[in-house]
Amino acid sequence: MARLDTGRRDAGGPGADGPSGVGRRGAGWKSAVSGELPEGHRKSQAVQSMFDAIAGRYELCNTLFTLTLDRRWRAAAVDALGLEPRSEVLDVASGTGDLCRELAGRGFSPVGVDLSWGMLANARGGAPTIQADAASLPLPGASFDGVTSGFGLRNFADLPATLAEMARVLRPGGRVALLEVATPANPLLRMGHGLWFNHVVPAVGGVLSDSTAYRYLPRSVTYLPSPERMSQMMQEAGFSHVANRLLWGGLAQLFTATRSPA
């Protein structure tokens, strides 16, 4: 399979100046995500800079805030692909590589792509990585057997275009598994989840990492379309057999689908 620019880069740590100039934009993202949620190109720039800033402790915070459940959710996403070992899988919004490591541990050949240079600079596990916008992937069509994404849907500036790109790089019959946060239906669980997600996470995130980022992340759920609308968008992008499954009582959700024949 021909791949473009999938080598690991010596980025010099989080916030280092990469080829796209991240690390030179300062803290302007904080004002962008503190007020009204940004849209379009402004959102893309703010999200990129924000994740550059929090990359160093991102995995630690995820593990603490999900009480290690994020590991089970990633395992569920990989299970849902239903692919044979050695299948080639693209992980979109790969961050520091947690899903890529899960894929590699199951015998798959993962490639990670992320907009944030800082996240890729902190990636572990040795999978090839690409810095790119998910809505415009520098990869040939029909070149992967599977696509995954872990909690990235609400951070994409152009979700329909990103889904279309996922479909484009998948071979016909290829599988996609997309993890995201959700809101529990059970009233007690929903109340506890709201307190944790909207109050504990920002407070502890401010101590461990960056308070502005961890106030923004709970608010970013507003970007998510309803499961029904998300399923429709996936079908419009070229997927069939779209399904949505709640995990752990609705603390997270998993969208799965198959690439329709070309």
Protein backbone atom coordinates (compact mmCIF):
# COMPACT_ATOMS: atom_id res chain seq x y z
CA MET A 1 0.00 0.00 0.00
CA ALA A 2 1.38 3.40 -0.94
CA ARG A 3 1.44 5.83 1.99
CA LEU A 4 2.47 9.46 2.12
CA ASP A 5 4.60 10.89 4.91
CA THR A 6 3.96 8.21 7.50
CA GLY A 7 7.34 8.33 9.22
CA ARG A 8 7.66 9.31 12.89
CA ARG A 9 9.01 12.82 13.38
CA ASP A 10 11.48 14.15 15.93
CA ALA A 11 9.24 16.93 17.11
CA GLY A 12 11.10 17.94 20.23
CA GLY A 13 8.23 17.65 22.71
CA PRO A 14 4.82 19.19 23.21
CA GLY A 15 4.29 22.59 21.71
CA ALA A 16 7.41 22.31 19.57
CA ASP A 17 7.36 24.17 16.28
CA GLY A 18 6.37 21.59 13.71
CA PRO A 19 6.01 21.98 9.98
CA SER A 20 2.64 23.68 10.36
CA GLY A 21 4.00 26.21 12.83
CA VAL A 22 2.21 24.97 15.94
CA GLY A 23 3.79 26.26 19.11
CA ARG A 24 4.14 29.73 17.58
CA ARG A 25 0.51 30.74 18.04
CA GLY A 26 0.80 31.34 21.79
CA ALA A 27 -2.20 31.08 24.07
CA GLY A 28 -4.73 32.65 21.72
CA TRP A 29 -6.72 29.44 21.75
CA LYS A 30 -7.75 30.14 25.34
CA SER A 31 -9.86 33.13 24.39
CA ALA A 32 -11.25 31.18 21.42
CA VAL A 33 -12.58 28.32 23.57
CA SER A 34 -13.54 30.34 26.66
CA GLY A 35 -16.48 32.22 25.16
CA GLU A 36 -18.89 31.11 22.47
CA LEU A 37 -17.73 27.82 20.99
CA PRO A 38 -15.66 28.47 17.85
CA GLU A 39 -16.68 27.19 14.42
CA GLY A 40 -14.97 26.40 11.11
CA HIS A 41 -11.33 27.39 10.63
CA ARG A 42 -11.31 29.20 13.98
CA LYS A 43 -12.32 25.98 15.71
CA SER A 44 -9.67 24.00 13.86
CA GLN A 45 -6.91 26.41 14.91
CA ALA A 46 -8.10 26.59 18.52
CA VAL A 47 -8.41 22.81 18.89
CA GLN A 48 -4.99 22.24 17.35
CA SER A 49 -3.29 24.71 19.69
CA MET A 50 -5.21 23.45 22.72
CA PHE A 51 -4.16 19.85 22.21
CA ASP A 52 -0.57 20.96 21.59
CA ALA A 53 -0.70 22.58 25.03
CA ILE A 54 -2.16 19.62 26.97
CA ALA A 55 -0.45 16.76 25.13
CA GLY A 56 2.11 15.99 27.83
CA ARG A 57 -0.47 14.88 30.41
CA TYR A 58 -3.35 14.01 28.13
CA GLU A 59 -3.25 10.24 28.66
CA LEU A 60 -2.82 10.59 32.42
CA CYS A 61 -5.87 12.85 32.60
CA ASN A 62 -7.94 10.53 30.41
CA THR A 63 -7.14 7.55 32.60
CA LEU A 64 -8.01 9.43 35.79
CA PHE A 65 -11.19 11.06 34.49
CA THR A 66 -12.61 7.80 33.09
CA LEU A 67 -11.41 5.70 36.05
CA THR A 68 -9.54 3.53 33.46
CA LEU A 69 -12.79 2.76 31.59
CA ASP A 70 -11.31 4.39 28.48
CA ARG A 71 -9.14 1.27 28.06
CA ARG A 72 -12.20 -0.97 27.94
CA TRP A 73 -13.92 1.37 25.50
CA ARG A 74 -10.94 1.31 23.14
CA ALA A 75 -10.88 -2.48 23.34
CA ALA A 76 -14.58 -2.55 22.45
CA ALA A 77 -13.95 -0.34 19.42
CA VAL A 78 -11.20 -2.64 18.15
CA ASP A 79 -13.40 -5.70 18.74
CA ALA A 80 -16.19 -4.06 16.74
CA LEU A 81 -14.00 -3.74 13.65
CA GLY A 82 -14.22 -7.50 13.13
CA LEU A 83 -11.09 -7.50 10.97
CA GLU A 84 -8.47 -10.16 10.44
CA PRO A 85 -5.01 -9.78 12.04
CA ARG A 86 -2.51 -7.78 9.98
CA SER A 87 -5.31 -5.62 8.60
CA GLU A 88 -4.25 -2.01 7.98
CA VAL A 89 -6.15 0.46 10.16
CA LEU A 90 -6.07 4.26 10.15
CA ASP A 91 -6.67 5.90 13.52
CA VAL A 92 -8.02 9.42 13.00
CA ALA A 93 -7.39 11.98 15.76
CA SER A 94 -4.89 9.48 17.10
CA GLY A 95 -3.52 11.80 19.78
CA THR A 96 -0.73 10.21 21.76
CA GLY A 97 -1.38 6.79 20.25
CA ASP A 98 -3.50 4.92 22.79
CA LEU A 99 -5.80 3.39 20.16
CA CYS A 100 -2.85 2.68 17.85
CA ARG A 101 -1.22 0.71 20.67
CA GLU A 102 -4.43 -1.25 21.23
CA LEU A 103 -4.60 -2.02 17.50
CA ALA A 104 -0.95 -3.07 17.32
CA GLY A 105 -1.38 -5.29 20.37
CA ARG A 106 -4.15 -7.14 18.54
CA GLY A 107 -1.96 -7.81 15.53
CA PHE A 108 -3.17 -4.97 13.27
CA SER A 109 -0.97 -2.51 11.35
CA PRO A 110 -2.04 0.96 12.55
CA VAL A 111 -1.25 4.40 11.19
CA GLY A 112 -2.14 7.45 13.27
CA VAL A 113 -3.19 10.84 11.95
CA ASP A 114 -3.74 13.95 14.07
CA LEU A 115 -3.90 17.69 13.54
CA SER A 116 -1.88 18.39 16.71
CA TRP A 117 1.88 18.28 16.37
CA GLY A 118 2.23 18.24 20.15
CA MET A 119 0.07 15.12 20.47
CA LEU A 120 2.10 13.29 17.83
CA ALA A 121 5.34 14.39 19.51
CA ASN A 122 4.14 12.63 22.67
CA ALA A 123 2.89 9.51 20.87
CA ARG A 124 4.19 6.18 22.11
CA GLY A 125 4.16 2.74 20.58
CA GLY A 126 6.04 3.19 17.32
CA ALA A 127 3.13 3.36 14.86
CA PRO A 128 3.70 5.58 11.82
CA THR A 129 2.05 8.97 12.23
CA ILE A 130 0.90 11.79 9.97
CA GLN A 131 0.11 15.37 10.90
CA ALA A 132 -2.91 16.33 8.81
CA ASP A 133 -6.44 17.70 8.86
CA ALA A 134 -8.88 14.79 9.03
CA ALA A 135 -11.08 16.54 6.47
CA SER A 136 -8.27 16.40 3.89
CA LEU A 137 -6.18 13.28 4.39
CA PRO A 138 -2.92 13.03 2.36
CA LEU A 139 -3.57 9.35 1.64
CA PRO A 140 -4.67 7.41 -1.44
CA GLY A 141 -8.21 6.13 -1.69
CA ALA A 142 -9.19 2.58 -0.75
CA SER A 143 -5.92 2.01 1.10
CA PHE A 144 -7.08 0.80 4.54
CA ASP A 145 -9.13 -2.10 5.86
CA GLY A 146 -10.39 -0.19 8.89
CA VAL A 147 -10.70 3.28 10.40
CA THR A 148 -10.99 4.13 14.09
CA SER A 149 -11.33 7.34 16.07
CA GLY A 150 -11.38 7.76 19.82
CA PHE A 151 -13.34 10.72 21.20
CA GLY A 152 -12.48 12.97 18.26
CA LEU A 153 -15.83 13.54 16.58
CA ARG A 154 -16.70 16.67 18.55
CA ASN A 155 -13.33 18.24 17.76
CA PHE A 156 -13.53 18.04 13.96
CA ALA A 157 -14.25 21.39 12.34
CA ASP A 158 -16.02 19.74 9.37
CA LEU A 159 -17.59 16.45 10.45
CA PRO A 160 -19.31 15.60 7.13
CA ALA A 161 -16.05 16.13 5.21
CA THR A 162 -14.14 14.05 7.78
CA LEU A 163 -16.60 11.17 7.48
CA ALA A 164 -16.34 11.38 3.70
CA GLU A 165 -12.54 11.16 3.96
CA MET A 166 -12.80 8.13 6.24
CA ALA A 167 -15.00 6.47 3.63
CA ARG A 168 -12.65 7.47 0.80
CA VAL A 169 -9.54 5.87 2.33
CA LEU A 170 -11.41 2.65 3.21
CA ARG A 171 -11.54 -0.28 0.86
CA PRO A 172 -15.08 -1.42 -0.06
CA GLY A 173 -16.26 -3.63 2.78
CA GLY A 174 -13.84 -1.97 5.21
CA ARG A 175 -14.99 -1.22 8.73
CA VAL A 176 -15.15 1.92 10.84
CA ALA A 177 -15.46 2.20 14.65
CA LEU A 178 -15.88 5.64 16.21
CA LEU A 179 -15.87 6.20 19.97
CA GLU A 180 -17.42 9.27 21.58
CA VAL A 181 -18.79 10.48 24.88
CA ALA A 182 -22.51 10.14 25.57
CA THR A 183 -25.13 11.13 28.14
CA PRO A 184 -26.58 8.34 30.31
CA ALA A 185 -30.33 7.82 30.13
CA ASN A 186 -30.64 6.74 33.77
CA PRO A 187 -31.45 9.89 35.83
CA LEU A 188 -29.14 9.05 38.74
CA LEU A 189 -26.27 8.05 36.49
CA ARG A 190 -26.86 11.15 34.34
CA MET A 191 -26.76 13.40 37.42
CA GLY A 192 -23.52 11.84 38.68
CA HIS A 193 -22.01 11.97 35.20
CA GLY A 194 -22.93 15.66 34.90
CA LEU A 195 -21.33 16.54 38.22
CA TRP A 196 -18.17 14.60 37.35
CA PHE A 197 -17.86 15.75 33.75
CA ASN A 198 -18.80 19.40 34.24
CA HIS A 199 -17.25 20.12 37.64
CA VAL A 200 -14.69 17.53 38.78
CA VAL A 201 -12.99 17.18 35.41
CA PRO A 202 -12.38 20.94 34.93
CA ALA A 203 -11.18 21.35 38.54
CA VAL A 204 -8.74 18.44 38.51
CA GLY A 205 -7.73 19.15 34.90
CA GLY A 206 -6.76 22.65 35.96
CA VAL A 207 -4.43 21.23 38.61
CA LEU A 208 -2.86 18.56 36.43
CA SER A 209 -2.85 20.27 33.06
CA ASP A 210 -4.74 23.36 31.85
CA SER A 211 -7.96 24.68 33.36
CA THR A 212 -9.22 26.37 30.18
CA ALA A 213 -8.84 23.19 28.13
CA TYR A 214 -10.66 21.06 30.68
CA ARG A 215 -13.48 23.56 30.93
CA TYR A 216 -13.81 23.52 27.14
CA LEU A 217 -13.82 19.73 26.72
CA PRO A 218 -17.12 19.14 28.60
CA ARG A 219 -18.71 22.05 26.69
CA SER A 220 -17.55 20.59 23.37
CA VAL A 221 -20.22 17.88 23.65
CA THR A 222 -22.53 20.55 22.20
CA TYR A 223 -20.86 19.94 18.84
CA LEU A 224 -22.06 16.33 18.69
CA PRO A 225 -25.02 15.57 16.44
CA SER A 226 -27.73 13.28 17.78
CA PRO A 227 -27.13 9.55 17.21
CA GLU A 228 -29.85 9.61 14.56
CA ARG A 229 -28.28 12.53 12.72
CA MET A 230 -24.81 11.03 13.07
CA SER A 231 -26.02 7.76 11.54
CA GLN A 232 -27.58 9.70 8.66
CA MET A 233 -24.33 11.60 8.10
CA MET A 234 -22.38 8.34 7.97
CA GLN A 235 -24.78 6.92 5.40
CA GLU A 236 -24.46 10.07 3.32
CA ALA A 237 -20.67 9.72 3.48
CA GLY A 238 -20.77 6.23 1.96
CA PHE A 239 -21.30 3.83 4.87
CA SER A 240 -23.88 1.09 5.31
CA HIS A 241 -24.96 -1.07 8.26
CA VAL A 242 -24.51 1.90 10.58
CA ALA A 243 -25.06 1.07 14.25
CA ASN A 244 -24.81 2.97 17.52
CA ARG A 245 -24.16 1.22 20.82
CA LEU A 246 -24.03 2.73 24.30
CA LEU A 247 -21.17 1.62 26.56
CA TRP A 248 -21.32 1.38 30.34
CA GLY A 249 -24.84 2.73 30.70
CA GLY A 250 -24.29 5.57 28.26
CA LEU A 251 -21.02 7.00 29.57
CA ALA A 252 -19.68 6.49 26.05
CA GLN A 253 -21.03 5.47 22.67
CA LEU A 254 -19.67 3.54 19.71
CA PHE A 255 -20.64 4.08 16.08
CA THR A 256 -19.80 1.26 13.69
CA ALA A 257 -20.39 0.87 9.95
CA THR A 258 -19.18 -0.80 6.78
CA ARG A 259 -17.83 0.97 3.71
CA SER A 260 -20.40 0.57 0.97
CA PRO A 261 -19.24 -0.91 -2.35
CA ALA A 262 -17.73 1.69 -4.65
